[in-house]
Amino acid sequence: MVNENAATDDDLSATFAALADPTRRAILARLRAGETAVTELAEPFDMSLPAISKHLKVLERAGLITRSRDAQSRPCRLAADPLKRAVDWLESYRKFWEASLDRLDVLLREIQAGENRRVRGKEKK
């Protein structure tokens, strides 16, 4: 059987793999404020510029950032489309858990109502 969503699955895998690292998540958080040069992005991290570049390459391959050339610098920009696809994918699971929790809530209320009826029945005796 051929998976018609293989490209989307690969994209999601790349997105989640990129997001698995706290340094990359921190880089994305910094890029929410707008386009930032690589050297600026590297400042708060206790790692070499080549190490930051490796993280940026992972983010770029996942489509989470874009990089351009501006004279001597290589500004990076957040690309939110892969994040939107990940959120959309996760949303179906949120709906699943909400429905499950709603069913559990109904069950607990039914049990509690039964307990209350039983206690009131004992009080009347």
PDB file of N, CA and C in Angstrom:
ATOM      1  N   MET A   1       0.839  -1.181   0.000  1.00  0.00           N
ATOM      2  CA  MET A   1       0.000   0.000   0.000  1.00  0.00           C
ATOM      3  C   MET A   1       0.883   1.243   0.000  1.00  0.00           C
ATOM      4  N   VAL A   2       0.597   2.190  -0.865  1.00  0.00           N
ATOM      5  CA  VAL A   2       1.376   3.416  -0.992  1.00  0.00           C
ATOM      6  C   VAL A   2       0.779   4.465  -0.077  1.00  0.00           C
ATOM      7  N   ASN A   3       1.624   5.114   0.678  1.00  0.00           N
ATOM      8  CA  ASN A   3       1.178   6.179   1.561  1.00  0.00           C
ATOM      9  C   ASN A   3       1.097   7.474   0.769  1.00  0.00           C
ATOM     10  N   GLU A   4      -0.123   7.936   0.542  1.00  0.00           N
ATOM     11  CA  GLU A   4      -0.317   9.159  -0.243  1.00  0.00           C
ATOM     12  C   GLU A   4       0.177  10.394   0.497  1.00  0.00           C
ATOM     13  N   ASN A   5       0.323  10.291   1.804  1.00  0.00           N
ATOM     14  CA  ASN A   5       0.761  11.434   2.601  1.00  0.00           C
ATOM     15  C   ASN A   5       2.242  11.337   2.954  1.00  0.00           C
ATOM     16  N   ALA A   6       3.007  10.563   2.186  1.00  0.00           N
ATOM     17  CA  ALA A   6       4.420  10.343   2.509  1.00  0.00           C
ATOM     18  C   ALA A   6       5.195  11.646   2.588  1.00  0.00           C
ATOM     19  N   ALA A   7       4.961  12.554   1.649  1.00  0.00           N
ATOM     20  CA  ALA A   7       5.679  13.837   1.681  1.00  0.00           C
ATOM     21  C   ALA A   7       5.326  14.616   2.938  1.00  0.00           C
ATOM     22  N   THR A   8       4.048  14.635   3.288  1.00  0.00           N
ATOM     23  CA  THR A   8       3.613  15.333   4.488  1.00  0.00           C
ATOM     24  C   THR A   8       4.199  14.670   5.723  1.00  0.00           C
ATOM     25  N   ASP A   9       4.200  13.324   5.754  1.00  0.00           N
ATOM     26  CA  ASP A   9       4.773  12.600   6.882  1.00  0.00           C
ATOM     27  C   ASP A   9       6.258  12.916   7.029  1.00  0.00           C
ATOM     28  N   ASP A  10       6.978  12.954   5.912  1.00  0.00           N
ATOM     29  CA  ASP A  10       8.397  13.291   5.954  1.00  0.00           C
ATOM     30  C   ASP A  10       8.596  14.716   6.466  1.00  0.00           C
ATOM     31  N   ASP A  11       7.745  15.631   5.999  1.00  0.00           N
ATOM     32  CA  ASP A  11       7.824  17.016   6.469  1.00  0.00           C
ATOM     33  C   ASP A  11       7.579  17.096   7.968  1.00  0.00           C
ATOM     34  N   LEU A  12       6.557  16.382   8.440  1.00  0.00           N
ATOM     35  CA  LEU A  12       6.266  16.374   9.874  1.00  0.00           C
ATOM     36  C   LEU A  12       7.423  15.775  10.661  1.00  0.00           C
ATOM     37  N   SER A  13       7.998  14.711  10.144  1.00  0.00           N
ATOM     38  CA  SER A  13       9.137  14.087  10.830  1.00  0.00           C
ATOM     39  C   SER A  13      10.298  15.067  10.928  1.00  0.00           C
ATOM     40  N   ALA A  14      10.566  15.773   9.860  1.00  0.00           N
ATOM     41  CA  ALA A  14      11.661  16.756   9.864  1.00  0.00           C
ATOM     42  C   ALA A  14      11.355  17.885  10.841  1.00  0.00           C
ATOM     43  N   THR A  15      10.098  18.321  10.868  1.00  0.00           N
ATOM     44  CA  THR A  15       9.705  19.404  11.786  1.00  0.00           C
ATOM     45  C   THR A  15       9.893  18.963  13.230  1.00  0.00           C
ATOM     46  N   PHE A  16       9.347  17.797  13.575  1.00  0.00           N
ATOM     47  CA  PHE A  16       9.450  17.347  14.963  1.00  0.00           C
ATOM     48  C   PHE A  16      10.886  17.019  15.345  1.00  0.00           C
ATOM     49  N   ALA A  17      11.673  16.494  14.425  1.00  0.00           N
ATOM     50  CA  ALA A  17      13.087  16.222  14.710  1.00  0.00           C
ATOM     51  C   ALA A  17      13.821  17.534  14.994  1.00  0.00           C
ATOM     52  N   ALA A  18      13.516  18.557  14.211  1.00  0.00           N
ATOM     53  CA  ALA A  18      14.158  19.859  14.431  1.00  0.00           C
ATOM     54  C   ALA A  18      13.727  20.462  15.762  1.00  0.00           C
ATOM     55  N   LEU A  19      12.457  20.288  16.107  1.00  0.00           N
ATOM     56  CA  LEU A  19      11.935  20.855  17.348  1.00  0.00           C
ATOM     57  C   LEU A  19      12.366  20.068  18.585  1.00  0.00           C
ATOM     58  N   ALA A  20      12.921  18.888  18.393  1.00  0.00           N
ATOM     59  CA  ALA A  20      13.314  18.046  19.522  1.00  0.00           C
ATOM     60  C   ALA A  20      14.483  18.630  20.306  1.00  0.00           C
ATOM     61  N   ASP A  21      15.221  19.517  19.704  1.00  0.00           N
ATOM     62  CA  ASP A  21      16.408  20.069  20.358  1.00  0.00           C
ATOM     63  C   ASP A  21      16.092  21.431  20.994  1.00  0.00           C
ATOM     64  N   PRO A  22      16.423  21.612  22.269  1.00  0.00           N
ATOM     65  CA  PRO A  22      16.112  22.885  22.940  1.00  0.00           C
ATOM     66  C   PRO A  22      16.834  24.088  22.341  1.00  0.00           C
ATOM     67  N   THR A  23      18.032  23.884  21.814  1.00  0.00           N
ATOM     68  CA  THR A  23      18.751  25.004  21.185  1.00  0.00           C
ATOM     69  C   THR A  23      17.995  25.476  19.953  1.00  0.00           C
ATOM     70  N   ARG A  24      17.507  24.552  19.160  1.00  0.00           N
ATOM     71  CA  ARG A  24      16.766  24.936  17.952  1.00  0.00           C
ATOM     72  C   ARG A  24      15.446  25.607  18.316  1.00  0.00           C
ATOM     73  N   ARG A  25      14.788  25.120  19.369  1.00  0.00           N
ATOM     74  CA  ARG A  25      13.558  25.789  19.805  1.00  0.00           C
ATOM     75  C   ARG A  25      13.858  27.206  20.272  1.00  0.00           C
ATOM     76  N   ALA A  26      14.975  27.384  20.951  1.00  0.00           N
ATOM     77  CA  ALA A  26      15.360  28.728  21.415  1.00  0.00           C
ATOM     78  C   ALA A  26      15.673  29.642  20.230  1.00  0.00           C
ATOM     79  N   ILE A  27      16.300  29.098  19.212  1.00  0.00           N
ATOM     80  CA  ILE A  27      16.584  29.887  18.004  1.00  0.00           C
ATOM     81  C   ILE A  27      15.275  30.332  17.360  1.00  0.00           C
ATOM     82  N   LEU A  28      14.325  29.411  17.244  1.00  0.00           N
ATOM     83  CA  LEU A  28      13.023  29.770  16.658  1.00  0.00           C
ATOM     84  C   LEU A  28      12.328  30.836  17.499  1.00  0.00           C
ATOM     85  N   ALA A  29      12.419  30.715  18.808  1.00  0.00           N
ATOM     86  CA  ALA A  29      11.802  31.710  19.691  1.00  0.00           C
ATOM     87  C   ALA A  29      12.418  33.087  19.455  1.00  0.00           C
ATOM     88  N   ARG A  30      13.720  33.132  19.259  1.00  0.00           N
ATOM     89  CA  ARG A  30      14.376  34.421  18.995  1.00  0.00           C
ATOM     90  C   ARG A  30      13.944  34.992  17.648  1.00  0.00           C
ATOM     91  N   LEU A  31      13.689  34.112  16.687  1.00  0.00           N
ATOM     92  CA  LEU A  31      13.301  34.578  15.348  1.00  0.00           C
ATOM     93  C   LEU A  31      11.854  35.071  15.287  1.00  0.00           C
ATOM     94  N   ARG A  32      11.067  34.793  16.317  1.00  0.00           N
ATOM     95  CA  ARG A  32       9.701  35.330  16.338  1.00  0.00           C
ATOM     96  C   ARG A  32       9.712  36.850  16.304  1.00  0.00           C
ATOM     97  N   ALA A  33      10.762  37.445  16.843  1.00  0.00           N
ATOM     98  CA  ALA A  33      10.868  38.907  16.874  1.00  0.00           C
ATOM     99  C   ALA A  33      11.215  39.489  15.505  1.00  0.00           C
ATOM    100  N   GLY A  34      11.640  38.642  14.593  1.00  0.00           N
ATOM    101  CA  GLY A  34      11.970  39.118  13.256  1.00  0.00           C
ATOM    102  C   GLY A  34      13.306  38.591  12.767  1.00  0.00           C
ATOM    103  N   GLU A  35      13.634  38.991  11.562  1.00  0.00           N
ATOM    104  CA  GLU A  35      14.867  38.553  10.911  1.00  0.00           C
ATOM    105  C   GLU A  35      16.067  38.894  11.788  1.00  0.00           C
ATOM    106  N   THR A  36      16.982  37.926  11.905  1.00  0.00           N
ATOM    107  CA  THR A  36      18.146  38.105  12.775  1.00  0.00           C
ATOM    108  C   THR A  36      19.372  37.500  12.108  1.00  0.00           C
ATOM    109  N   ALA A  37      20.498  38.169  12.238  1.00  0.00           N
ATOM    110  CA  ALA A  37      21.758  37.669  11.681  1.00  0.00           C
ATOM    111  C   ALA A  37      22.236  36.465  12.497  1.00  0.00           C
ATOM    112  N   VAL A  38      22.949  35.582  11.843  1.00  0.00           N
ATOM    113  CA  VAL A  38      23.449  34.363  12.474  1.00  0.00           C
ATOM    114  C   VAL A  38      24.295  34.702  13.699  1.00  0.00           C
ATOM    115  N   THR A  39      25.141  35.689  13.580  1.00  0.00           N
ATOM    116  CA  THR A  39      26.008  36.045  14.715  1.00  0.00           C
ATOM    117  C   THR A  39      25.180  36.504  15.919  1.00  0.00           C
ATOM    118  N   GLU A  40      24.098  37.226  15.657  1.00  0.00           N
ATOM    119  CA  GLU A  40      23.206  37.642  16.749  1.00  0.00           C
ATOM    120  C   GLU A  40      22.495  36.441  17.359  1.00  0.00           C
ATOM    121  N   LEU A  41      22.067  35.526  16.508  1.00  0.00           N
ATOM    122  CA  LEU A  41      21.392  34.328  17.003  1.00  0.00           C
ATOM    123  C   LEU A  41      22.312  33.508  17.899  1.00  0.00           C
ATOM    124  N   ALA A  42      23.606  33.499  17.575  1.00  0.00           N
ATOM    125  CA  ALA A  42      24.571  32.683  18.302  1.00  0.00           C
ATOM    126  C   ALA A  42      24.958  33.273  19.656  1.00  0.00           C
ATOM    127  N   GLU A  43      24.750  34.567  19.844  1.00  0.00           N
ATOM    128  CA  GLU A  43      25.241  35.258  21.052  1.00  0.00           C
ATOM    129  C   GLU A  43      24.857  34.601  22.379  1.00  0.00           C
ATOM    130  N   PRO A  44      23.602  34.256  22.605  1.00  0.00           N
ATOM    131  CA  PRO A  44      23.267  33.741  23.945  1.00  0.00           C
ATOM    132  C   PRO A  44      23.683  32.295  24.203  1.00  0.00           C
ATOM    133  N   PHE A  45      24.184  31.625  23.193  1.00  0.00           N
ATOM    134  CA  PHE A  45      24.501  30.204  23.342  1.00  0.00           C
ATOM    135  C   PHE A  45      25.978  29.998  23.621  1.00  0.00           C
ATOM    136  N   ASP A  46      26.255  29.067  24.503  1.00  0.00           N
ATOM    137  CA  ASP A  46      27.634  28.741  24.847  1.00  0.00           C
ATOM    138  C   ASP A  46      28.124  27.637  23.920  1.00  0.00           C
ATOM    139  N   MET A  47      28.219  27.997  22.625  1.00  0.00           N
ATOM    140  CA  MET A  47      28.719  27.051  21.624  1.00  0.00           C
ATOM    141  C   MET A  47      29.324  27.831  20.470  1.00  0.00           C
ATOM    142  N   SER A  48      30.077  27.138  19.673  1.00  0.00           N
ATOM    143  CA  SER A  48      30.784  27.781  18.570  1.00  0.00           C
ATOM    144  C   SER A  48      29.820  28.175  17.455  1.00  0.00           C
ATOM    145  N   LEU A  49      30.247  29.071  16.610  1.00  0.00           N
ATOM    146  CA  LEU A  49      29.456  29.484  15.450  1.00  0.00           C
ATOM    147  C   LEU A  49      29.201  28.300  14.502  1.00  0.00           C
ATOM    148  N   PRO A  50      30.201  27.420  14.271  1.00  0.00           N
ATOM    149  CA  PRO A  50      29.918  26.246  13.442  1.00  0.00           C
ATOM    150  C   PRO A  50      28.829  25.339  14.048  1.00  0.00           C
ATOM    151  N   ALA A  51      28.799  25.234  15.362  1.00  0.00           N
ATOM    152  CA  ALA A  51      27.756  24.418  16.006  1.00  0.00           C
ATOM    153  C   ALA A  51      26.381  25.052  15.790  1.00  0.00           C
ATOM    154  N   ILE A  52      26.310  26.370  15.919  1.00  0.00           N
ATOM    155  CA  ILE A  52      25.044  27.083  15.657  1.00  0.00           C
ATOM    156  C   ILE A  52      24.649  26.888  14.196  1.00  0.00           C
ATOM    157  N   SER A  53      25.620  26.953  13.310  1.00  0.00           N
ATOM    158  CA  SER A  53      25.335  26.756  11.887  1.00  0.00           C
ATOM    159  C   SER A  53      24.735  25.386  11.612  1.00  0.00           C
ATOM    160  N   LYS A  54      25.205  24.374  12.326  1.00  0.00           N
ATOM    161  CA  LYS A  54      24.631  23.031  12.158  1.00  0.00           C
ATOM    162  C   LYS A  54      23.164  23.019  12.578  1.00  0.00           C
ATOM    163  N   HIS A  55      22.860  23.689  13.683  1.00  0.00           N
ATOM    164  CA  HIS A  55      21.463  23.784  14.124  1.00  0.00           C
ATOM    165  C   HIS A  55      20.623  24.525  13.082  1.00  0.00           C
ATOM    166  N   LEU A  56      21.188  25.588  12.531  1.00  0.00           N
ATOM    167  CA  LEU A  56      20.458  26.356  11.517  1.00  0.00           C
ATOM    168  C   LEU A  56      20.204  25.523  10.267  1.00  0.00           C
ATOM    169  N   LYS A  57      21.159  24.685   9.901  1.00  0.00           N
ATOM    170  CA  LYS A  57      20.964  23.814   8.730  1.00  0.00           C
ATOM    171  C   LYS A  57      19.821  22.830   8.960  1.00  0.00           C
ATOM    172  N   VAL A  58      19.721  22.290  10.172  1.00  0.00           N
ATOM    173  CA  VAL A  58      18.620  21.380  10.492  1.00  0.00           C
ATOM    174  C   VAL A  58      17.287  22.128  10.380  1.00  0.00           C
ATOM    175  N   LEU A  59      17.239  23.330  10.937  1.00  0.00           N
ATOM    176  CA  LEU A  59      16.018  24.137  10.874  1.00  0.00           C
ATOM    177  C   LEU A  59      15.667  24.500   9.432  1.00  0.00           C
ATOM    178  N   GLU A  60      16.684  24.791   8.654  1.00  0.00           N
ATOM    179  CA  GLU A  60      16.462  25.152   7.253  1.00  0.00           C
ATOM    180  C   GLU A  60      15.971  23.942   6.448  1.00  0.00           C
ATOM    181  N   ARG A  61      16.583  22.786   6.659  1.00  0.00           N
ATOM    182  CA  ARG A  61      16.141  21.571   5.954  1.00  0.00           C
ATOM    183  C   ARG A  61      14.699  21.220   6.298  1.00  0.00           C
ATOM    184  N   ALA A  62      14.295  21.507   7.536  1.00  0.00           N
ATOM    185  CA  ALA A  62      12.925  21.242   7.965  1.00  0.00           C
ATOM    186  C   ALA A  62      11.961  22.318   7.456  1.00  0.00           C
ATOM    187  N   GLY A  63      12.506  23.362   6.843  1.00  0.00           N
ATOM    188  CA  GLY A  63      11.671  24.437   6.318  1.00  0.00           C
ATOM    189  C   GLY A  63      11.208  25.415   7.376  1.00  0.00           C
ATOM    190  N   LEU A  64      11.806  25.349   8.573  1.00  0.00           N
ATOM    191  CA  LEU A  64      11.390  26.213   9.673  1.00  0.00           C
ATOM    192  C   LEU A  64      12.017  27.593   9.631  1.00  0.00           C
ATOM    193  N   ILE A  65      13.109  27.722   8.891  1.00  0.00           N
ATOM    194  CA  ILE A  65      13.731  29.038   8.705  1.00  0.00           C
ATOM    195  C   ILE A  65      14.145  29.185   7.247  1.00  0.00           C
ATOM    196  N   THR A  66      14.325  30.429   6.862  1.00  0.00           N
ATOM    197  CA  THR A  66      14.934  30.726   5.567  1.00  0.00           C
ATOM    198  C   THR A  66      16.138  31.614   5.847  1.00  0.00           C
ATOM    199  N   ARG A  67      17.135  31.490   4.995  1.00  0.00           N
ATOM    200  CA  ARG A  67      18.328  32.324   5.141  1.00  0.00           C
ATOM    201  C   ARG A  67      18.571  33.033   3.825  1.00  0.00           C
ATOM    202  N   SER A  68      19.044  34.255   3.945  1.00  0.00           N
ATOM    203  CA  SER A  68      19.367  35.032   2.754  1.00  0.00           C
ATOM    204  C   SER A  68      20.742  35.653   2.939  1.00  0.00           C
ATOM    205  N   ARG A  69      21.208  36.298   1.889  1.00  0.00           N
ATOM    206  CA  ARG A  69      22.497  36.997   1.973  1.00  0.00           C
ATOM    207  C   ARG A  69      22.233  38.496   1.973  1.00  0.00           C
ATOM    208  N   ASP A  70      22.903  39.164   2.900  1.00  0.00           N
ATOM    209  CA  ASP A  70      22.807  40.613   2.980  1.00  0.00           C
ATOM    210  C   ASP A  70      24.225  41.124   3.212  1.00  0.00           C
ATOM    211  N   ALA A  71      24.911  41.404   2.124  1.00  0.00           N
ATOM    212  CA  ALA A  71      26.323  41.817   2.180  1.00  0.00           C
ATOM    213  C   ALA A  71      27.133  40.735   2.907  1.00  0.00           C
ATOM    214  N   GLN A  72      27.619  41.031   4.095  1.00  0.00           N
ATOM    215  CA  GLN A  72      28.457  40.088   4.834  1.00  0.00           C
ATOM    216  C   GLN A  72      27.661  39.156   5.743  1.00  0.00           C
ATOM    217  N   SER A  73      26.428  39.506   6.043  1.00  0.00           N
ATOM    218  CA  SER A  73      25.678  38.691   7.002  1.00  0.00           C
ATOM    219  C   SER A  73      24.736  37.723   6.299  1.00  0.00           C
ATOM    220  N   ARG A  74      24.268  36.753   7.061  1.00  0.00           N
ATOM    221  CA  ARG A  74      23.309  35.754   6.575  1.00  0.00           C
ATOM    222  C   ARG A  74      22.087  35.800   7.487  1.00  0.00           C
ATOM    223  N   PRO A  75      21.202  36.769   7.267  1.00  0.00           N
ATOM    224  CA  PRO A  75      20.039  36.862   8.150  1.00  0.00           C
ATOM    225  C   PRO A  75      19.121  35.644   8.017  1.00  0.00           C
ATOM    226  N   CYS A  76      18.531  35.270   9.140  1.00  0.00           N
ATOM    227  CA  CYS A  76      17.598  34.149   9.193  1.00  0.00           C
ATOM    228  C   CYS A  76      16.206  34.688   9.494  1.00  0.00           C
ATOM    229  N   ARG A  77      15.236  33.991   8.961  1.00  0.00           N
ATOM    230  CA  ARG A  77      13.845  34.405   9.143  1.00  0.00           C
ATOM    231  C   ARG A  77      13.021  33.161   9.461  1.00  0.00           C
ATOM    232  N   LEU A  78      12.084  33.295  10.379  1.00  0.00           N
ATOM    233  CA  LEU A  78      11.187  32.207  10.732  1.00  0.00           C
ATOM    234  C   LEU A  78      10.253  31.914   9.566  1.00  0.00           C
ATOM    235  N   ALA A  79      10.061  30.642   9.276  1.00  0.00           N
ATOM    236  CA  ALA A  79       9.102  30.203   8.263  1.00  0.00           C
ATOM    237  C   ALA A  79       8.071  29.345   8.996  1.00  0.00           C
ATOM    238  N   ALA A  80       6.888  29.863   9.177  1.00  0.00           N
ATOM    239  CA  ALA A  80       5.915  29.246  10.080  1.00  0.00           C
ATOM    240  C   ALA A  80       5.072  28.132   9.465  1.00  0.00           C
ATOM    241  N   ASP A  81       5.082  27.955   8.160  1.00  0.00           N
ATOM    242  CA  ASP A  81       4.216  26.942   7.541  1.00  0.00           C
ATOM    243  C   ASP A  81       4.414  25.540   8.117  1.00  0.00           C
ATOM    244  N   PRO A  82       5.651  25.064   8.298  1.00  0.00           N
ATOM    245  CA  PRO A  82       5.805  23.719   8.881  1.00  0.00           C
ATOM    246  C   PRO A  82       5.236  23.636  10.307  1.00  0.00           C
ATOM    247  N   LEU A  83       5.331  24.718  11.056  1.00  0.00           N
ATOM    248  CA  LEU A  83       4.759  24.731  12.403  1.00  0.00           C
ATOM    249  C   LEU A  83       3.240  24.637  12.338  1.00  0.00           C
ATOM    250  N   LYS A  84       2.649  25.297  11.367  1.00  0.00           N
ATOM    251  CA  LYS A  84       1.190  25.246  11.192  1.00  0.00           C
ATOM    252  C   LYS A  84       0.760  23.817  10.878  1.00  0.00           C
ATOM    253  N   ARG A  85       1.496  23.135  10.001  1.00  0.00           N
ATOM    254  CA  ARG A  85       1.160  21.743   9.679  1.00  0.00           C
ATOM    255  C   ARG A  85       1.286  20.849  10.908  1.00  0.00           C
ATOM    256  N   ALA A  86       2.313  21.093  11.732  1.00  0.00           N
ATOM    257  CA  ALA A  86       2.485  20.305  12.955  1.00  0.00           C
ATOM    258  C   ALA A  86       1.336  20.568  13.929  1.00  0.00           C
ATOM    259  N   VAL A  87       0.944  21.813  14.062  1.00  0.00           N
ATOM    260  CA  VAL A  87      -0.177  22.161  14.940  1.00  0.00           C
ATOM    261  C   VAL A  87      -1.464  21.510  14.438  1.00  0.00           C
ATOM    262  N   ASP A  88      -1.682  21.552  13.140  1.00  0.00           N
ATOM    263  CA  ASP A  88      -2.880  20.926  12.569  1.00  0.00           C
ATOM    264  C   ASP A  88      -2.890  19.425  12.854  1.00  0.00           C
ATOM    265  N   TRP A  89      -1.734  18.779  12.728  1.00  0.00           N
ATOM    266  CA  TRP A  89      -1.639  17.355  12.999  1.00  0.00           C
ATOM    267  C   TRP A  89      -1.918  17.069  14.479  1.00  0.00           C
ATOM    268  N   LEU A  90      -1.335  17.882  15.355  1.00  0.00           N
ATOM    269  CA  LEU A  90      -1.542  17.703  16.788  1.00  0.00           C
ATOM    270  C   LEU A  90      -2.983  17.996  17.198  1.00  0.00           C
ATOM    271  N   GLU A  91      -3.615  18.899  16.487  1.00  0.00           N
ATOM    272  CA  GLU A  91      -4.991  19.284  16.804  1.00  0.00           C
ATOM    273  C   GLU A  91      -5.931  18.082  16.813  1.00  0.00           C
ATOM    274  N   SER A  92      -5.758  17.153  15.894  1.00  0.00           N
ATOM    275  CA  SER A  92      -6.632  15.980  15.866  1.00  0.00           C
ATOM    276  C   SER A  92      -6.483  15.169  17.149  1.00  0.00           C
ATOM    277  N   TYR A  93      -5.294  15.146  17.708  1.00  0.00           N
ATOM    278  CA  TYR A  93      -5.082  14.420  18.953  1.00  0.00           C
ATOM    279  C   TYR A  93      -5.644  15.187  20.148  1.00  0.00           C
ATOM    280  N   ARG A  94      -5.598  16.494  20.095  1.00  0.00           N
ATOM    281  CA  ARG A  94      -6.220  17.297  21.146  1.00  0.00           C
ATOM    282  C   ARG A  94      -7.714  17.011  21.175  1.00  0.00           C
ATOM    283  N   LYS A  95      -8.328  16.966  20.009  1.00  0.00           N
ATOM    284  CA  LYS A  95      -9.761  16.666  19.930  1.00  0.00           C
ATOM    285  C   LYS A  95     -10.048  15.277  20.489  1.00  0.00           C
ATOM    286  N   PHE A  96      -9.188  14.307  20.185  1.00  0.00           N
ATOM    287  CA  PHE A  96      -9.345  12.953  20.713  1.00  0.00           C
ATOM    288  C   PHE A  96      -9.321  12.975  22.240  1.00  0.00           C
ATOM    289  N   TRP A  97      -8.312  13.667  22.822  1.00  0.00           N
ATOM    290  CA  TRP A  97      -8.195  13.685  24.272  1.00  0.00           C
ATOM    291  C   TRP A  97      -9.335  14.452  24.918  1.00  0.00           C
ATOM    292  N   GLU A  98      -9.761  15.532  24.310  1.00  0.00           N
ATOM    293  CA  GLU A  98     -10.902  16.265  24.862  1.00  0.00           C
ATOM    294  C   GLU A  98     -12.149  15.396  24.885  1.00  0.00           C
ATOM    295  N   ALA A  99     -12.400  14.665  23.800  1.00  0.00           N
ATOM    296  CA  ALA A  99     -13.561  13.779  23.748  1.00  0.00           C
ATOM    297  C   ALA A  99     -13.428  12.673  24.796  1.00  0.00           C
ATOM    298  N   SER A 100     -12.234  12.124  24.958  1.00  0.00           N
ATOM    299  CA  SER A 100     -12.014  11.082  25.965  1.00  0.00           C
ATOM    300  C   SER A 100     -12.239  11.625  27.369  1.00  0.00           C
ATOM    301  N   LEU A 101     -11.723  12.808  27.627  1.00  0.00           N
ATOM    302  CA  LEU A 101     -11.904  13.414  28.949  1.00  0.00           C
ATOM    303  C   LEU A 101     -13.361  13.793  29.198  1.00  0.00           C
ATOM    304  N   ASP A 102     -14.052  14.223  28.155  1.00  0.00           N
ATOM    305  CA  ASP A 102     -15.480  14.517  28.301  1.00  0.00           C
ATOM    306  C   ASP A 102     -16.252  13.261  28.673  1.00  0.00           C
ATOM    307  N   ARG A 103     -15.930  12.133  28.031  1.00  0.00           N
ATOM    308  CA  ARG A 103     -16.588  10.865  28.361  1.00  0.00           C
ATOM    309  C   ARG A 103     -16.264  10.445  29.794  1.00  0.00           C
ATOM    310  N   LEU A 104     -15.032  10.639  30.208  1.00  0.00           N
ATOM    311  CA  LEU A 104     -14.636  10.316  31.568  1.00  0.00           C
ATOM    312  C   LEU A 104     -15.386  11.193  32.565  1.00  0.00           C
ATOM    313  N   ASP A 105     -15.540  12.455  32.247  1.00  0.00           N
ATOM    314  CA  ASP A 105     -16.274  13.381  33.111  1.00  0.00           C
ATOM    315  C   ASP A 105     -17.724  12.918  33.286  1.00  0.00           C
ATOM    316  N   VAL A 106     -18.350  12.514  32.193  1.00  0.00           N
ATOM    317  CA  VAL A 106     -19.729  12.017  32.262  1.00  0.00           C
ATOM    318  C   VAL A 106     -19.792  10.774  33.148  1.00  0.00           C
ATOM    319  N   LEU A 107     -18.870   9.862  32.961  1.00  0.00           N
ATOM    320  CA  LEU A 107     -18.838   8.637  33.759  1.00  0.00           C
ATOM    321  C   LEU A 107     -18.650   8.957  35.241  1.00  0.00           C
ATOM    322  N   LEU A 108     -17.737   9.855  35.555  1.00  0.00           N
ATOM    323  CA  LEU A 108     -17.496  10.212  36.952  1.00  0.00           C
ATOM    324  C   LEU A 108     -18.723  10.869  37.578  1.00  0.00           C
ATOM    325  N   ARG A 109     -19.413  11.709  36.808  1.00  0.00           N
ATOM    326  CA  ARG A 109     -20.648  12.332  37.322  1.00  0.00           C
ATOM    327  C   ARG A 109     -21.718  11.270  37.577  1.00  0.00           C
ATOM    328  N   GLU A 110     -21.815  10.284  36.686  1.00  0.00           N
ATOM    329  CA  GLU A 110     -22.783   9.208  36.875  1.00  0.00           C
ATOM    330  C   GLU A 110     -22.452   8.396  38.119  1.00  0.00           C
ATOM    331  N   ILE A 111     -21.172   8.098  38.325  1.00  0.00           N
ATOM    332  CA  ILE A 111     -20.744   7.351  39.510  1.00  0.00           C
ATOM    333  C   ILE A 111     -21.038   8.164  40.762  1.00  0.00           C
ATOM    334  N   GLN A 112     -20.710   9.447  40.716  1.00  0.00           N
ATOM    335  CA  GLN A 112     -20.940  10.318  41.866  1.00  0.00           C
ATOM    336  C   GLN A 112     -22.432  10.422  42.165  1.00  0.00           C
ATOM    337  N   ALA A 113     -23.267  10.546  41.150  1.00  0.00           N
ATOM    338  CA  ALA A 113     -24.711  10.616  41.353  1.00  0.00           C
ATOM    339  C   ALA A 113     -25.210   9.319  41.969  1.00  0.00           C
ATOM    340  N   GLY A 114     -24.702   8.187  41.521  1.00  0.00           N
ATOM    341  CA  GLY A 114     -25.067   6.897  42.089  1.00  0.00           C
ATOM    342  C   GLY A 114     -24.656   6.791  43.548  1.00  0.00           C
ATOM    343  N   GLU A 115     -23.463   7.270  43.860  1.00  0.00           N
ATOM    344  CA  GLU A 115     -22.988   7.268  45.248  1.00  0.00           C
ATOM    345  C   GLU A 115     -23.883   8.145  46.110  1.00  0.00           C
ATOM    346  N   ASN A 116     -24.235   9.318  45.596  1.00  0.00           N
ATOM    347  CA  ASN A 116     -25.099  10.234  46.352  1.00  0.00           C
ATOM    348  C   ASN A 116     -26.465   9.599  46.611  1.00  0.00           C
ATOM    349  N   ARG A 117     -27.019   8.911  45.604  1.00  0.00           N
ATOM    350  CA  ARG A 117     -28.317   8.250  45.778  1.00  0.00           C
ATOM    351  C   ARG A 117     -28.204   7.144  46.831  1.00  0.00           C
ATOM    352  N   ARG A 118     -27.103   6.401  46.792  1.00  0.00           N
ATOM    353  CA  ARG A 118     -26.897   5.312  47.745  1.00  0.00           C
ATOM    354  C   ARG A 118     -26.784   5.856  49.163  1.00  0.00           C
ATOM    355  N   VAL A 119     -26.032   6.947  49.342  1.00  0.00           N
ATOM    356  CA  VAL A 119     -25.873   7.553  50.665  1.00  0.00           C
ATOM    357  C   VAL A 119     -27.208   8.082  51.174  1.00  0.00           C
ATOM    358  N   ARG A 120     -27.973   8.759  50.297  1.00  0.00           N
ATOM    359  CA  ARG A 120     -29.278   9.292  50.714  1.00  0.00           C
ATOM    360  C   ARG A 120     -30.227   8.149  51.083  1.00  0.00           C
ATOM    361  N   GLY A 121     -30.141   7.034  50.353  1.00  0.00           N
ATOM    362  CA  GLY A 121     -30.975   5.868  50.653  1.00  0.00           C
ATOM    363  C   GLY A 121     -30.648   5.288  52.025  1.00  0.00           C
ATOM    364  N   LYS A 122     -29.376   5.264  52.416  1.00  0.00           N
ATOM    365  CA  LYS A 122     -28.975   4.755  53.715  1.00  0.00           C
ATOM    366  C   LYS A 122     -29.424   5.697  54.820  1.00  0.00           C
ATOM    367  N   GLU A 123     -29.411   7.009  54.541  1.00  0.00           N
ATOM    368  CA  GLU A 123     -29.813   7.999  55.546  1.00  0.00           C
ATOM    369  C   GLU A 123     -31.301   7.877  55.861  1.00  0.00           C
ATOM    370  N   LYS A 124     -32.119   7.491  54.899  1.00  0.00           N
ATOM    371  CA  LYS A 124     -33.561   7.384  55.080  1.00  0.00           C
ATOM    372  C   LYS A 124     -33.930   6.170  55.916  1.00  0.00           C
ATOM    373  N   LYS A 125     -33.081   5.175  55.994  1.00  0.00           N
ATOM    374  CA  LYS A 125     -33.392   3.944  56.726  1.00  0.00           C
ATOM    375  C   LYS A 125     -33.248   4.094  58.197  1.00  0.00           C
TER     376      LYS A 125
END
